[in-house]
Amino acid sequence: MRAAKPQQAGCNEIERSLIAYLDSRPCAADTLDGIVSWWLPLQRYAAARGSIEAALAHLVELDVLRRDRLPDGSDLYALDGGSPSLAN
């Protein structure tokens, strides 16, 4: 018998992350150590990637960061040397 999925509104963040991971990988199985080491970090990264990418693009637009294209096609981000800091 399969356990019922918890109601989204009643779940805490960890439960939602576990369910989201298993929804995208229904055949996954692991130990507690494996889940802590792999599932949750991967799920958080996947969920946050779009937000991180948008924040980087915005900071490039503001000339706080610069974006340099690497030979493999990926982008490298670093502080733009001539720009004021947003931390002040």
C-alpha atoms as a PDB file:
ATOM      1  CA  MET A   1       0.000   0.000   0.000  1.00  0.00           C
ATOM      2  CA  ARG A   2       1.395   3.382  -1.009  1.00  0.00           C
ATOM      3  CA  ALA A   3       1.450   6.173   1.534  1.00  0.00           C
ATOM      4  CA  ALA A   4      -0.751   9.158   0.795  1.00  0.00           C
ATOM      5  CA  LYS A   5       1.017  12.339  -0.272  1.00  0.00           C
ATOM      6  CA  PRO A   6       0.872  15.000   2.424  1.00  0.00           C
ATOM      7  CA  GLN A   7      -1.226  18.076   1.728  1.00  0.00           C
ATOM      8  CA  GLN A   8       1.016  20.837   0.325  1.00  0.00           C
ATOM      9  CA  ALA A   9      -0.297  23.417   2.802  1.00  0.00           C
ATOM     10  CA  GLY A  10       0.443  21.156   5.775  1.00  0.00           C
ATOM     11  CA  CYS A  11       3.995  20.201   4.792  1.00  0.00           C
ATOM     12  CA  ASN A  12       7.113  21.805   6.050  1.00  0.00           C
ATOM     13  CA  GLU A  13       9.898  22.856   3.664  1.00  0.00           C
ATOM     14  CA  ILE A  14      11.839  19.591   3.964  1.00  0.00           C
ATOM     15  CA  GLU A  15       8.764  17.481   3.251  1.00  0.00           C
ATOM     16  CA  ARG A  16       7.935  19.613   0.191  1.00  0.00           C
ATOM     17  CA  SER A  17      11.525  19.235  -1.050  1.00  0.00           C
ATOM     18  CA  LEU A  18      11.405  15.456  -0.613  1.00  0.00           C
ATOM     19  CA  ILE A  19       8.087  15.161  -2.433  1.00  0.00           C
ATOM     20  CA  ALA A  20       9.298  17.423  -5.262  1.00  0.00           C
ATOM     21  CA  TYR A  21      12.454  15.319  -5.639  1.00  0.00           C
ATOM     22  CA  LEU A  22      10.447  12.092  -5.766  1.00  0.00           C
ATOM     23  CA  ASP A  23       7.870  13.555  -8.146  1.00  0.00           C
ATOM     24  CA  SER A  24      10.664  14.157 -10.655  1.00  0.00           C
ATOM     25  CA  ARG A  25      12.411  10.831  -9.871  1.00  0.00           C
ATOM     26  CA  PRO A  26       9.664   8.353  -8.905  1.00  0.00           C
ATOM     27  CA  CYS A  27      12.007   5.341  -8.834  1.00  0.00           C
ATOM     28  CA  ALA A  28      14.540   6.977  -6.487  1.00  0.00           C
ATOM     29  CA  ALA A  29      15.485   5.244  -3.237  1.00  0.00           C
ATOM     30  CA  ASP A  30      18.289   6.055  -0.794  1.00  0.00           C
ATOM     31  CA  THR A  31      19.418   5.954   2.826  1.00  0.00           C
ATOM     32  CA  LEU A  32      19.114   8.895   5.190  1.00  0.00           C
ATOM     33  CA  ASP A  33      22.777   9.751   4.525  1.00  0.00           C
ATOM     34  CA  GLY A  34      22.196   9.652   0.760  1.00  0.00           C
ATOM     35  CA  ILE A  35      19.067  11.761   1.012  1.00  0.00           C
ATOM     36  CA  VAL A  36      20.828  14.368   3.151  1.00  0.00           C
ATOM     37  CA  SER A  37      23.904  14.386   0.883  1.00  0.00           C
ATOM     38  CA  TRP A  38      22.238  14.251  -2.535  1.00  0.00           C
ATOM     39  CA  TRP A  39      18.500  14.681  -2.719  1.00  0.00           C
ATOM     40  CA  LEU A  40      17.950  17.814  -0.701  1.00  0.00           C
ATOM     41  CA  PRO A  41      20.962  19.780  -1.999  1.00  0.00           C
ATOM     42  CA  LEU A  42      20.024  18.852  -5.579  1.00  0.00           C
ATOM     43  CA  GLN A  43      16.394  19.829  -5.057  1.00  0.00           C
ATOM     44  CA  ARG A  44      17.300  23.194  -3.526  1.00  0.00           C
ATOM     45  CA  TYR A  45      19.752  23.927  -6.347  1.00  0.00           C
ATOM     46  CA  ALA A  46      17.213  23.075  -9.035  1.00  0.00           C
ATOM     47  CA  ALA A  47      14.510  25.194  -7.408  1.00  0.00           C
ATOM     48  CA  ALA A  48      16.808  28.163  -6.873  1.00  0.00           C
ATOM     49  CA  ARG A  49      18.645  28.113 -10.216  1.00  0.00           C
ATOM     50  CA  GLY A  50      16.163  30.375 -12.026  1.00  0.00           C
ATOM     51  CA  SER A  51      16.159  32.916  -9.198  1.00  0.00           C
ATOM     52  CA  ILE A  52      19.953  32.916  -9.044  1.00  0.00           C
ATOM     53  CA  GLU A  53      20.210  33.380 -12.802  1.00  0.00           C
ATOM     54  CA  ALA A  54      17.751  36.304 -12.707  1.00  0.00           C
ATOM     55  CA  ALA A  55      19.652  37.959  -9.843  1.00  0.00           C
ATOM     56  CA  LEU A  56      22.960  37.613 -11.698  1.00  0.00           C
ATOM     57  CA  ALA A  57      21.453  39.079 -14.881  1.00  0.00           C
ATOM     58  CA  HIS A  58      20.038  42.014 -12.924  1.00  0.00           C
ATOM     59  CA  LEU A  59      23.396  42.722 -11.263  1.00  0.00           C
ATOM     60  CA  VAL A  60      25.086  42.619 -14.671  1.00  0.00           C
ATOM     61  CA  GLU A  61      22.520  45.129 -15.974  1.00  0.00           C
ATOM     62  CA  LEU A  62      23.321  47.403 -13.016  1.00  0.00           C
ATOM     63  CA  ASP A  63      27.056  47.097 -13.796  1.00  0.00           C
ATOM     64  CA  VAL A  64      27.704  45.628 -10.351  1.00  0.00           C
ATOM     65  CA  LEU A  65      28.860  42.353 -11.886  1.00  0.00           C
ATOM     66  CA  ARG A  66      30.487  41.559 -15.174  1.00  0.00           C
ATOM     67  CA  ARG A  67      29.794  38.439 -17.191  1.00  0.00           C
ATOM     68  CA  ASP A  68      32.604  36.863 -19.205  1.00  0.00           C
ATOM     69  CA  ARG A  69      31.947  34.057 -21.673  1.00  0.00           C
ATOM     70  CA  LEU A  70      34.313  31.115 -21.217  1.00  0.00           C
ATOM     71  CA  PRO A  71      35.579  28.964 -24.126  1.00  0.00           C
ATOM     72  CA  ASP A  72      33.134  26.188 -23.176  1.00  0.00           C
ATOM     73  CA  GLY A  73      30.193  28.609 -23.528  1.00  0.00           C
ATOM     74  CA  SER A  74      29.470  29.005 -19.818  1.00  0.00           C
ATOM     75  CA  ASP A  75      29.447  32.412 -18.145  1.00  0.00           C
ATOM     76  CA  LEU A  76      31.816  33.535 -15.406  1.00  0.00           C
ATOM     77  CA  TYR A  77      30.556  36.229 -13.022  1.00  0.00           C
ATOM     78  CA  ALA A  78      32.725  38.607 -10.988  1.00  0.00           C
ATOM     79  CA  LEU A  79      32.536  42.076  -9.513  1.00  0.00           C
ATOM     80  CA  ASP A  80      32.764  44.804 -12.123  1.00  0.00           C
ATOM     81  CA  GLY A  81      35.887  46.672 -10.997  1.00  0.00           C
ATOM     82  CA  GLY A  82      34.568  50.179 -11.651  1.00  0.00           C
ATOM     83  CA  SER A  83      31.148  49.809 -10.110  1.00  0.00           C
ATOM     84  CA  PRO A  84      29.851  50.980  -6.746  1.00  0.00           C
ATOM     85  CA  SER A  85      28.878  48.342  -4.213  1.00  0.00           C
ATOM     86  CA  LEU A  86      25.207  47.650  -3.441  1.00  0.00           C
ATOM     87  CA  ALA A  87      26.114  46.771   0.156  1.00  0.00           C
ATOM     88  CA  ASN A  88      26.468  50.422   1.186  1.00  0.00           C
END
